[in-house]
N, C-alpha and C. Protein backbone atom coordinates (compact mmCIF):
# COMPACT_ATOMS: atom_id res chain seq x y z
N MET A 1 -17.30 23.72 -20.69
CA MET A 1 -18.48 23.79 -19.85
C MET A 1 -19.48 24.74 -20.47
N MET A 2 -20.69 24.36 -20.42
CA MET A 2 -21.73 25.19 -20.99
C MET A 2 -22.14 26.27 -19.99
N GLY A 3 -22.41 27.47 -20.49
CA GLY A 3 -22.89 28.54 -19.64
C GLY A 3 -21.81 29.43 -19.06
N TRP A 4 -20.54 29.09 -19.27
CA TRP A 4 -19.47 29.93 -18.75
C TRP A 4 -18.92 30.76 -19.90
N TYR A 5 -19.23 32.04 -19.85
CA TYR A 5 -18.82 32.94 -20.93
C TYR A 5 -17.84 33.98 -20.41
N GLY A 6 -16.78 33.61 -19.88
CA GLY A 6 -15.80 34.55 -19.39
C GLY A 6 -16.01 34.85 -17.91
N GLY A 7 -15.45 35.95 -17.47
CA GLY A 7 -15.48 36.28 -16.06
C GLY A 7 -16.69 37.08 -15.63
N GLY A 8 -17.66 37.28 -16.46
CA GLY A 8 -18.83 38.07 -16.07
C GLY A 8 -18.60 39.54 -16.32
N MET A 9 -19.38 40.37 -15.68
CA MET A 9 -19.31 41.81 -15.91
C MET A 9 -18.12 42.45 -15.22
N GLY A 10 -17.72 41.95 -14.10
CA GLY A 10 -16.66 42.59 -13.34
C GLY A 10 -17.23 43.71 -12.47
N TRP A 11 -16.39 44.28 -11.64
CA TRP A 11 -16.87 45.30 -10.70
C TRP A 11 -17.33 46.57 -11.41
N ALA A 12 -16.70 46.95 -12.50
CA ALA A 12 -17.08 48.16 -13.22
C ALA A 12 -18.47 48.00 -13.85
N GLY A 13 -18.76 46.83 -14.35
CA GLY A 13 -20.07 46.55 -14.93
C GLY A 13 -21.16 46.60 -13.87
N TRP A 14 -20.89 46.00 -12.72
CA TRP A 14 -21.88 46.03 -11.64
C TRP A 14 -22.10 47.45 -11.12
N LEU A 15 -21.03 48.21 -11.01
CA LEU A 15 -21.15 49.60 -10.55
C LEU A 15 -21.95 50.43 -11.56
N GLY A 16 -21.66 50.26 -12.84
CA GLY A 16 -22.39 51.00 -13.87
C GLY A 16 -23.87 50.63 -13.90
N MET A 17 -24.15 49.33 -13.79
CA MET A 17 -25.54 48.88 -13.80
C MET A 17 -26.28 49.39 -12.57
N SER A 18 -25.63 49.37 -11.42
CA SER A 18 -26.26 49.86 -10.19
C SER A 18 -26.56 51.36 -10.29
N LEU A 19 -25.61 52.13 -10.79
CA LEU A 19 -25.83 53.57 -10.95
C LEU A 19 -26.96 53.85 -11.94
N PHE A 20 -27.01 53.09 -13.03
CA PHE A 20 -28.08 53.26 -14.01
C PHE A 20 -29.44 53.06 -13.37
N TRP A 21 -29.61 51.99 -12.59
CA TRP A 21 -30.90 51.71 -11.98
C TRP A 21 -31.26 52.72 -10.90
N LEU A 22 -30.26 53.18 -10.15
CA LEU A 22 -30.53 54.21 -9.15
C LEU A 22 -31.00 55.51 -9.80
N VAL A 23 -30.35 55.91 -10.87
CA VAL A 23 -30.74 57.14 -11.57
C VAL A 23 -32.12 56.97 -12.19
N LEU A 24 -32.40 55.82 -12.77
CA LEU A 24 -33.71 55.57 -13.38
C LEU A 24 -34.82 55.60 -12.32
N LEU A 25 -34.61 54.94 -11.20
CA LEU A 25 -35.61 54.95 -10.14
C LEU A 25 -35.82 56.36 -9.57
N ALA A 26 -34.75 57.11 -9.38
CA ALA A 26 -34.88 58.48 -8.88
C ALA A 26 -35.65 59.35 -9.87
N ALA A 27 -35.41 59.17 -11.16
CA ALA A 27 -36.13 59.93 -12.18
C ALA A 27 -37.62 59.59 -12.16
N ILE A 28 -37.95 58.32 -11.98
CA ILE A 28 -39.35 57.91 -11.92
C ILE A 28 -40.03 58.51 -10.70
N VAL A 29 -39.38 58.45 -9.54
CA VAL A 29 -39.96 59.01 -8.31
C VAL A 29 -40.17 60.51 -8.46
N LEU A 30 -39.18 61.23 -8.98
CA LEU A 30 -39.32 62.67 -9.16
C LEU A 30 -40.44 63.01 -10.15
N LEU A 31 -40.58 62.23 -11.20
CA LEU A 31 -41.65 62.47 -12.16
C LEU A 31 -43.02 62.26 -11.53
N VAL A 32 -43.16 61.22 -10.73
CA VAL A 32 -44.44 60.94 -10.06
C VAL A 32 -44.76 62.05 -9.06
N VAL A 33 -43.78 62.47 -8.28
CA VAL A 33 -44.00 63.55 -7.30
C VAL A 33 -44.38 64.84 -8.01
N TRP A 34 -43.76 65.12 -9.15
CA TRP A 34 -44.03 66.34 -9.89
C TRP A 34 -45.43 66.32 -10.52
N LEU A 35 -45.86 65.15 -10.99
CA LEU A 35 -47.15 65.05 -11.67
C LEU A 35 -48.34 64.97 -10.73
N LEU A 36 -48.17 64.36 -9.57
CA LEU A 36 -49.28 64.21 -8.65
C LEU A 36 -49.54 65.52 -7.91
N PRO A 37 -50.81 65.81 -7.61
CA PRO A 37 -51.08 67.03 -6.84
C PRO A 37 -50.53 66.89 -5.44
N GLY A 38 -50.07 68.02 -4.90
CA GLY A 38 -49.49 68.01 -3.56
C GLY A 38 -50.56 67.95 -2.49
N ALA A 39 -50.14 68.12 -1.28
CA ALA A 39 -51.05 68.08 -0.14
C ALA A 39 -51.70 69.44 0.10
N GLY A 40 -51.63 70.32 -0.86
CA GLY A 40 -52.25 71.64 -0.72
C GLY A 40 -51.33 72.68 -0.08
N VAL A 41 -50.08 72.34 0.13
CA VAL A 41 -49.15 73.27 0.75
C VAL A 41 -48.71 74.33 -0.26
N THR A 42 -48.41 73.90 -1.47
CA THR A 42 -48.01 74.85 -2.49
C THR A 42 -48.75 74.54 -3.78
N GLY A 43 -48.92 75.55 -4.59
CA GLY A 43 -49.54 75.36 -5.88
C GLY A 43 -48.48 75.07 -6.93
N ARG A 44 -48.86 75.16 -8.19
CA ARG A 44 -47.90 74.95 -9.27
C ARG A 44 -46.83 76.02 -9.22
N GLY A 45 -45.62 75.64 -9.47
CA GLY A 45 -44.53 76.60 -9.49
C GLY A 45 -44.02 76.96 -8.11
N GLY A 46 -44.46 76.27 -7.06
CA GLY A 46 -43.99 76.53 -5.71
C GLY A 46 -44.69 77.66 -5.01
N ARG A 47 -45.69 78.26 -5.65
CA ARG A 47 -46.43 79.34 -5.01
C ARG A 47 -47.47 78.76 -4.06
N PRO A 48 -47.79 79.48 -2.98
CA PRO A 48 -48.87 79.01 -2.11
C PRO A 48 -50.20 79.09 -2.84
N PRO A 49 -51.15 78.25 -2.48
CA PRO A 49 -52.44 78.29 -3.17
C PRO A 49 -53.14 79.63 -2.95
N GLU A 50 -53.91 80.05 -3.93
CA GLU A 50 -54.57 81.34 -3.89
C GLU A 50 -55.80 81.26 -2.98
N SER A 51 -55.94 82.23 -2.09
CA SER A 51 -57.08 82.25 -1.18
C SER A 51 -58.31 82.78 -1.92
N PRO A 52 -59.51 82.50 -1.39
CA PRO A 52 -60.72 83.03 -2.02
C PRO A 52 -60.72 84.56 -2.09
N GLU A 53 -60.17 85.21 -1.06
CA GLU A 53 -60.09 86.66 -1.08
C GLU A 53 -59.20 87.16 -2.21
N ASP A 54 -58.08 86.46 -2.41
CA ASP A 54 -57.18 86.85 -3.50
C ASP A 54 -57.85 86.68 -4.86
N MET A 55 -58.61 85.59 -5.02
CA MET A 55 -59.33 85.38 -6.29
C MET A 55 -60.36 86.49 -6.51
N LEU A 56 -61.07 86.86 -5.45
CA LEU A 56 -62.07 87.92 -5.56
C LEU A 56 -61.41 89.25 -5.89
N ASP A 57 -60.29 89.55 -5.23
CA ASP A 57 -59.55 90.79 -5.52
C ASP A 57 -59.09 90.82 -6.99
N ARG A 58 -58.61 89.69 -7.48
CA ARG A 58 -58.14 89.62 -8.86
C ARG A 58 -59.29 89.84 -9.84
N ARG A 59 -60.44 89.23 -9.57
CA ARG A 59 -61.61 89.41 -10.44
C ARG A 59 -62.06 90.87 -10.45
N PHE A 60 -62.04 91.51 -9.28
CA PHE A 60 -62.42 92.92 -9.19
C PHE A 60 -61.43 93.80 -9.95
N ALA A 61 -60.15 93.50 -9.81
CA ALA A 61 -59.13 94.29 -10.49
C ALA A 61 -59.23 94.14 -12.01
N ARG A 62 -59.64 93.00 -12.49
CA ARG A 62 -59.80 92.78 -13.93
C ARG A 62 -61.08 93.40 -14.48
N GLY A 63 -61.97 93.78 -13.59
CA GLY A 63 -63.23 94.37 -14.02
C GLY A 63 -64.31 93.35 -14.32
N GLU A 64 -64.12 92.11 -13.86
CA GLU A 64 -65.11 91.06 -14.09
C GLU A 64 -66.36 91.25 -13.23
N ILE A 65 -66.20 91.90 -12.06
CA ILE A 65 -67.33 92.16 -11.17
C ILE A 65 -67.33 93.63 -10.80
N ASP A 66 -68.52 94.13 -10.44
CA ASP A 66 -68.63 95.54 -10.06
C ASP A 66 -68.40 95.71 -8.56
N VAL A 67 -68.41 96.95 -8.10
CA VAL A 67 -68.10 97.28 -6.71
C VAL A 67 -69.11 96.64 -5.76
N GLU A 68 -70.39 96.71 -6.10
CA GLU A 68 -71.43 96.16 -5.23
C GLU A 68 -71.27 94.65 -5.06
N THR A 69 -71.05 93.95 -6.16
CA THR A 69 -70.85 92.49 -6.10
C THR A 69 -69.59 92.16 -5.29
N TYR A 70 -68.54 92.93 -5.53
CA TYR A 70 -67.29 92.72 -4.79
C TYR A 70 -67.51 92.85 -3.29
N GLN A 71 -68.19 93.93 -2.87
CA GLN A 71 -68.40 94.17 -1.45
C GLN A 71 -69.30 93.09 -0.84
N LEU A 72 -70.34 92.67 -1.55
CA LEU A 72 -71.22 91.62 -1.04
C LEU A 72 -70.48 90.29 -0.88
N GLN A 73 -69.69 89.93 -1.88
CA GLN A 73 -68.95 88.66 -1.81
C GLN A 73 -67.84 88.71 -0.77
N ARG A 74 -67.22 89.86 -0.65
CA ARG A 74 -66.16 90.02 0.37
C ARG A 74 -66.76 89.89 1.77
N ALA A 75 -67.94 90.49 2.00
CA ALA A 75 -68.61 90.38 3.30
C ALA A 75 -69.05 88.94 3.56
N ALA A 76 -69.52 88.25 2.53
CA ALA A 76 -69.93 86.86 2.68
C ALA A 76 -68.74 85.98 3.04
N LEU A 77 -67.61 86.23 2.43
CA LEU A 77 -66.40 85.46 2.76
C LEU A 77 -65.96 85.73 4.20
N ALA A 78 -66.00 87.00 4.61
CA ALA A 78 -65.61 87.35 5.98
C ALA A 78 -66.54 86.70 6.98
N GLN A 79 -67.85 86.68 6.68
CA GLN A 79 -68.81 86.07 7.59
C GLN A 79 -68.63 84.56 7.65
N ALA A 80 -68.33 83.94 6.53
CA ALA A 80 -68.14 82.49 6.51
C ALA A 80 -66.88 82.09 7.26
N ARG A 81 -65.87 82.91 7.22
CA ARG A 81 -64.62 82.61 7.94
C ARG A 81 -64.77 82.80 9.43
N GLY A 82 -65.60 83.70 9.85
CA GLY A 82 -65.75 83.99 11.27
C GLY A 82 -64.65 84.89 11.77
N PRO A 83 -64.65 85.19 13.06
CA PRO A 83 -63.62 86.08 13.60
C PRO A 83 -62.25 85.40 13.61
N ARG A 84 -61.25 86.19 13.38
CA ARG A 84 -59.88 85.65 13.38
C ARG A 84 -59.17 85.99 14.64
C-alpha cells in the first residue's frame, strides 16, 4: 500500500512534538511581552517609572540646573499637580 510507512511517530513522538511547540510558543509570547512597552506600571528592569520631581531632583544633583531654576520648576510642578 502506498503511503504507509510504519506505525507513525508513536506516543513518544507526539509528546515530544507537543512539548517542543509549547516551549516555542511560550518563548515567543515571553519575547513579545518583554519587547513591547508595558502599561506604564513599571519601567525597564521592573522599576517604577520616574516621576517629574525625581527627574528634576536628579538634574539638580548632577549640577545641570542651578538653585533658582530648580526652585522655579519645582514650584511649577507643584502648581500643575494641584493640592494632594
